Amino acid sequence: MELIGRLILAILAILGAIVGQAISRQLADEFKAWTPRLINTIIRCAVRQLPENQRERFAEEWQSHVDQIPGEIWKLKEAFGFLLASWNMGDVAYGFSKRALDIGLSWAFLFWSVPLFALAAAAIKYESSGPIVLRTMRPGRNKKRFARLQFRTFIVSENGEREVTQLGRFMRRSGFDMLPQIINVIKGDMSLVGPSFSLFEHLQRSQDEPPLVFRNVKPGVFGLTQRNHLGSSTEAMATGLSEDDLYYVSNRSLWFDLKIVLTSVWAILTDRNPPRCST
């Protein structure tokens, strides 16, 4: 019986080795078959992250370079290297970092400012009747419209005109009316720092596709234009294309975002003109 058991185990081991080799060959053949398509997909994804005027050149150069490399594994490794390089060239890494910062700071601020929101809501309701928070449709990233949230700072008179309330004047001057936009930041419609709505109104009116540099830019609660026009209504800032917005989009970075926030808070707390803020 012992001999029969050993023979059975030997036969099973031989069959396992044969099946394992067949599976390995099958997997190897499958890998060789789909690897070129995967490499092409990775390169196309990498090229899409680049500025439009560089895409055609890099698409040809990267594909040609990968084709000259022997071995499917090394081709795949090189394609992933191009993908990482394109993220740096196309500010993808900055976008991920900026979104993580937006979410972290917004949730922290929202948690600590609940009493402040409640006090503001009570004051608005006590001063005048009407909604506490207004929802207005605004253009944002890639021309998509969203409901921007903002504390109400006015009442509508009998003749249909808007009159800024006494509390509303203080809220506009201090920028306090913008606080509900933190919810827009958490939802992903806005960013803590970004251009004013004037830029997006301009892009919305344009019939052409927005240039690549504007494609993934979101309106900001803070920004160069917003900081330099504290006390002005959003409508007043949306009358024209701001040079401050264009400067920010061309020079944005996490460090620049931090300086904009700090100088904006300084201007709000001191009620003085903000210090010059550059990259």
Protein backbone atom coordinates (compact mmCIF):
# COMPACT_ATOMS: atom_id res chain seq x y z
CA MET A 1 0.00 0.00 0.00
CA GLU A 2 2.87 2.33 0.81
CA LEU A 3 4.38 1.70 -2.62
CA ILE A 4 1.06 2.42 -4.34
CA GLY A 5 0.70 5.66 -2.39
CA ARG A 6 4.15 6.80 -3.48
CA LEU A 7 3.38 5.97 -7.11
CA ILE A 8 0.18 7.99 -6.93
CA LEU A 9 2.03 10.97 -5.46
CA ALA A 10 4.71 10.69 -8.15
CA ILE A 11 2.10 10.60 -10.92
CA LEU A 12 0.30 13.63 -9.42
CA ALA A 13 3.61 15.52 -9.21
CA ILE A 14 4.38 14.78 -12.87
CA LEU A 15 0.88 15.82 -13.96
CA GLY A 16 1.17 19.00 -11.86
CA ALA A 17 4.47 19.90 -13.48
CA ILE A 18 3.02 19.33 -16.96
CA VAL A 19 -0.09 21.41 -16.21
CA GLY A 20 2.03 24.12 -14.56
CA GLN A 21 4.27 24.38 -17.62
CA ALA A 22 1.24 24.57 -19.88
CA ILE A 23 -0.31 27.32 -17.76
CA SER A 24 2.99 29.20 -17.63
CA ARG A 25 3.32 29.03 -21.43
CA GLN A 26 -0.29 30.18 -21.78
CA LEU A 27 0.26 33.11 -19.43
CA ALA A 28 3.49 34.03 -21.19
CA ASP A 29 1.73 34.00 -24.57
CA GLU A 30 -1.12 36.10 -23.16
CA PHE A 31 1.36 38.56 -21.66
CA LYS A 32 3.15 38.98 -25.00
CA ALA A 33 -0.19 39.47 -26.73
CA TRP A 34 -1.66 42.21 -24.54
CA THR A 35 1.53 43.99 -23.44
CA PRO A 36 1.88 46.07 -26.66
CA ARG A 37 -1.70 47.32 -26.27
CA LEU A 38 -1.08 48.15 -22.62
CA ILE A 39 2.10 50.03 -23.51
CA ASN A 40 0.29 52.03 -26.21
CA THR A 41 -2.48 52.88 -23.73
CA ILE A 42 0.04 54.06 -21.12
CA ILE A 43 1.86 56.24 -23.67
CA ARG A 44 -1.42 57.78 -24.89
CA CYS A 45 -2.39 58.53 -21.28
CA ALA A 46 1.04 60.10 -20.67
CA VAL A 47 0.80 62.26 -23.79
CA ARG A 48 -2.64 63.58 -22.77
CA GLN A 49 -1.07 65.12 -19.65
CA LEU A 50 1.26 67.29 -21.74
CA PRO A 51 0.63 70.77 -23.18
CA GLU A 52 -1.01 70.57 -26.59
CA ASN A 53 1.99 71.98 -28.44
CA GLN A 54 4.21 69.14 -27.14
CA ARG A 55 1.92 66.13 -27.57
CA GLU A 56 2.68 65.18 -31.16
CA ARG A 57 6.46 65.35 -30.71
CA PHE A 58 6.55 63.35 -27.48
CA ALA A 59 4.06 60.76 -28.76
CA GLU A 60 6.40 59.92 -31.66
CA GLU A 61 9.60 60.07 -29.60
CA TRP A 62 8.31 57.95 -26.71
CA GLN A 63 6.76 55.29 -28.97
CA SER A 64 9.93 55.07 -31.05
CA HIS A 65 12.08 54.79 -27.94
CA VAL A 66 9.94 51.99 -26.46
CA ASP A 67 9.97 50.03 -29.74
CA GLN A 68 13.78 49.89 -29.67
CA ILE A 69 13.92 48.34 -26.17
CA PRO A 70 14.25 44.51 -26.10
CA GLY A 71 11.92 42.55 -23.82
CA GLU A 72 8.30 43.20 -22.97
CA ILE A 73 9.01 43.79 -19.26
CA TRP A 74 11.55 46.52 -20.01
CA LYS A 75 9.24 48.13 -22.56
CA LEU A 76 6.49 48.25 -19.92
CA LYS A 77 8.86 49.71 -17.33
CA GLU A 78 9.94 52.46 -19.74
CA ALA A 79 6.31 53.32 -20.57
CA PHE A 80 5.51 53.77 -16.88
CA GLY A 81 8.58 56.01 -16.62
CA PHE A 82 7.15 58.24 -19.35
CA LEU A 83 3.81 58.35 -17.50
CA LEU A 84 5.51 59.58 -14.32
CA ALA A 85 7.47 62.15 -16.32
CA SER A 86 4.29 63.45 -17.96
CA TRP A 87 2.65 63.91 -14.54
CA ASN A 88 5.49 66.21 -13.52
CA MET A 89 5.41 68.07 -16.86
CA GLY A 90 1.62 68.43 -16.77
CA ASP A 91 1.28 69.44 -13.10
CA VAL A 92 -0.63 66.26 -12.23
CA ALA A 93 1.35 65.80 -9.02
CA TYR A 94 0.52 69.39 -8.07
CA GLY A 95 -3.16 68.73 -8.76
CA PHE A 96 -3.23 65.70 -6.45
CA SER A 97 -1.38 67.58 -3.69
CA LYS A 98 -3.65 70.60 -4.06
CA ARG A 99 -6.80 68.48 -3.83
CA ALA A 100 -5.49 66.69 -0.72
CA LEU A 101 -4.72 70.07 0.87
CA ASP A 102 -8.19 71.39 -0.06
CA ILE A 103 -9.96 68.45 1.54
CA GLY A 104 -7.83 68.37 4.70
CA LEU A 105 -7.99 72.09 5.46
CA SER A 106 -11.67 72.43 4.50
CA TRP A 107 -12.83 69.63 6.78
CA ALA A 108 -10.68 70.94 9.63
CA PHE A 109 -12.02 74.48 9.17
CA LEU A 110 -15.61 73.24 8.88
CA PHE A 111 -15.28 71.25 12.10
CA TRP A 112 -13.97 74.18 14.14
CA SER A 113 -16.24 76.83 12.63
CA VAL A 114 -19.64 75.22 13.23
CA PRO A 115 -20.46 77.71 16.04
CA LEU A 116 -19.42 80.58 13.76
CA PHE A 117 -21.72 79.35 11.00
CA ALA A 118 -24.59 79.03 13.48
CA LEU A 119 -24.02 82.57 14.79
CA ALA A 120 -23.90 84.01 11.25
CA ALA A 121 -27.09 82.18 10.29
CA ALA A 122 -28.91 83.51 13.35
CA ALA A 123 -27.71 87.09 12.69
CA ILE A 124 -28.78 87.00 9.02
CA LYS A 125 -32.20 85.63 9.89
CA TYR A 126 -32.66 88.16 12.70
CA GLU A 127 -31.75 91.16 10.53
CA SER A 128 -33.96 90.36 7.55
CA SER A 129 -36.23 87.70 6.17
CA GLY A 130 -35.15 85.46 3.35
CA PRO A 131 -32.79 82.56 2.77
CA ILE A 132 -29.60 82.38 4.84
CA VAL A 133 -27.46 80.86 2.11
CA LEU A 134 -27.86 81.67 -1.58
CA ARG A 135 -27.28 79.17 -4.37
CA THR A 136 -26.25 80.78 -7.65
CA MET A 137 -25.19 78.90 -10.75
CA ARG A 138 -21.62 79.72 -11.77
CA PRO A 139 -19.26 78.36 -14.43
CA GLY A 140 -16.30 76.40 -13.12
CA ARG A 141 -13.75 73.89 -14.30
CA ASN A 142 -14.05 72.90 -17.97
CA LYS A 143 -17.08 75.24 -18.39
CA LYS A 144 -19.25 73.09 -16.12
CA ARG A 145 -21.74 75.06 -14.02
CA PHE A 146 -22.37 74.41 -10.34
CA ALA A 147 -24.34 75.92 -7.46
CA ARG A 148 -22.04 78.30 -5.59
CA LEU A 149 -22.97 78.79 -1.93
CA GLN A 150 -22.70 82.18 -0.22
CA PHE A 151 -24.25 83.92 2.78
CA ARG A 152 -27.00 86.35 1.77
CA THR A 153 -25.84 89.96 2.19
CA PHE A 154 -28.79 91.90 0.74
CA ILE A 155 -32.52 92.29 0.72
CA VAL A 156 -34.78 92.91 -2.25
CA SER A 157 -36.64 96.22 -1.95
CA GLU A 158 -40.22 96.81 -3.04
CA ASN A 159 -39.08 98.17 -6.40
CA GLY A 160 -37.08 94.97 -7.01
CA GLU A 161 -33.62 96.41 -6.37
CA ARG A 162 -31.04 94.73 -4.17
CA GLU A 163 -29.99 96.64 -1.07
CA VAL A 164 -26.98 95.50 0.91
CA THR A 165 -27.80 95.10 4.60
CA GLN A 166 -25.71 96.52 7.42
CA LEU A 167 -24.55 93.03 8.36
CA GLY A 168 -24.01 92.29 4.68
CA ARG A 169 -21.62 95.23 4.30
CA PHE A 170 -19.51 93.88 7.16
CA MET A 171 -19.57 90.37 5.72
CA ARG A 172 -18.52 91.56 2.27
CA ARG A 173 -15.76 93.78 3.64
CA SER A 174 -14.36 90.93 5.74
CA GLY A 175 -14.96 88.20 3.17
CA PHE A 176 -17.12 86.36 5.71
CA ASP A 177 -19.89 85.88 3.15
CA MET A 178 -17.64 83.45 1.28
CA LEU A 179 -17.44 80.90 4.12
CA PRO A 180 -20.18 78.56 2.78
CA GLN A 181 -18.01 78.05 -0.29
CA ILE A 182 -15.98 75.67 1.89
CA ILE A 183 -18.76 73.18 1.09
CA ASN A 184 -18.09 73.76 -2.63
CA VAL A 185 -14.41 73.03 -2.00
CA ILE A 186 -15.20 69.72 -0.27
CA LYS A 187 -17.53 68.76 -3.14
CA GLY A 188 -14.75 69.48 -5.64
CA ASP A 189 -16.42 72.37 -7.47
CA MET A 190 -13.96 74.93 -6.10
CA SER A 191 -10.50 75.09 -4.57
CA LEU A 192 -9.29 76.98 -1.52
CA VAL A 193 -7.02 79.03 -3.80
CA GLY A 194 -7.78 79.75 -7.43
CA PRO A 195 -8.84 82.39 -9.95
CA SER A 196 -11.95 84.50 -9.44
CA PHE A 197 -15.18 83.80 -11.29
CA SER A 198 -14.30 86.51 -13.83
CA LEU A 199 -11.90 84.09 -15.54
CA PHE A 200 -14.55 81.38 -15.80
CA GLU A 201 -17.19 83.83 -17.03
CA HIS A 202 -14.74 84.78 -19.79
CA LEU A 203 -14.07 81.13 -20.70
CA GLN A 204 -17.82 80.41 -20.66
CA ARG A 205 -18.46 83.15 -23.22
CA SER A 206 -15.70 81.84 -25.48
CA GLN A 207 -16.79 79.46 -28.24
CA ASP A 208 -13.39 77.73 -28.35
CA GLU A 209 -12.17 74.98 -26.09
CA PRO A 210 -10.20 76.43 -23.15
CA PRO A 211 -6.41 76.18 -23.48
CA LEU A 212 -4.81 73.25 -21.67
CA VAL A 213 -3.45 75.51 -18.93
CA PHE A 214 -7.05 76.35 -17.91
CA ARG A 215 -8.57 72.86 -18.29
CA ASN A 216 -8.31 71.65 -14.68
CA VAL A 217 -8.32 75.02 -12.91
CA LYS A 218 -11.12 75.61 -10.39
CA PRO A 219 -12.48 78.87 -8.96
CA GLY A 220 -10.96 79.73 -5.60
CA VAL A 221 -12.33 80.93 -2.28
CA PHE A 222 -9.03 82.80 -1.96
CA GLY A 223 -7.03 84.23 -4.85
CA LEU A 224 -5.11 87.27 -6.02
CA THR A 225 -8.20 88.95 -7.49
CA GLN A 226 -10.42 88.06 -4.53
CA ARG A 227 -7.82 89.35 -2.08
CA ASN A 228 -7.32 92.62 -3.95
CA HIS A 229 -11.09 93.24 -4.13
CA LEU A 230 -12.15 92.45 -0.57
CA GLY A 231 -15.49 94.10 0.03
CA SER A 232 -16.60 93.88 -3.60
CA SER A 233 -19.41 91.64 -4.73
CA THR A 234 -18.71 88.63 -6.89
CA GLU A 235 -20.68 90.29 -9.68
CA ALA A 236 -18.36 93.31 -9.58
CA MET A 237 -15.32 91.06 -9.94
CA ALA A 238 -16.87 89.21 -12.90
CA THR A 239 -17.02 92.24 -15.20
CA GLY A 240 -13.73 91.58 -16.95
CA LEU A 241 -10.71 89.31 -17.29
CA SER A 242 -8.31 89.92 -14.42
CA GLU A 243 -4.56 90.11 -14.92
CA ASP A 244 -4.20 88.74 -11.39
CA ASP A 245 -6.08 85.58 -12.44
CA LEU A 246 -3.88 85.09 -15.49
CA TYR A 247 -0.76 85.62 -13.39
CA TYR A 248 -1.93 83.04 -10.84
CA VAL A 249 -2.74 80.37 -13.45
CA SER A 250 0.68 80.82 -15.06
CA ASN A 251 2.59 80.66 -11.77
CA ARG A 252 0.51 78.47 -9.46
CA SER A 253 2.21 76.23 -6.93
CA LEU A 254 1.48 75.01 -3.41
CA TRP A 255 3.89 77.58 -1.97
CA PHE A 256 2.21 80.38 -3.94
CA ASP A 257 -1.20 79.14 -2.72
CA LEU A 258 -0.01 79.29 0.89
CA LYS A 259 1.25 82.86 0.48
CA ILE A 260 -2.08 83.94 -1.03
CA VAL A 261 -4.02 82.46 1.90
CA LEU A 262 -1.72 84.06 4.50
CA THR A 263 -1.78 87.52 2.91
CA SER A 264 -5.57 87.29 2.43
CA VAL A 265 -6.11 86.42 6.10
CA TRP A 266 -3.74 89.25 7.07
CA ALA A 267 -5.77 91.71 4.97
CA ILE A 268 -9.06 90.51 6.49
CA LEU A 269 -7.87 90.67 10.10
CA THR A 270 -6.13 94.05 9.80
CA ASP A 271 -8.62 95.63 7.35
CA ARG A 272 -5.65 97.01 5.42
CA ASN A 273 -4.40 96.67 1.86
CA PRO A 274 -2.70 93.28 1.51
CA PRO A 275 1.08 93.11 1.07
CA ARG A 276 2.42 92.34 -2.38
CA CYS A 277 2.26 88.63 -3.12
CA SER A 278 4.38 87.07 -5.88
CA THR A 279 5.84 83.66 -6.59
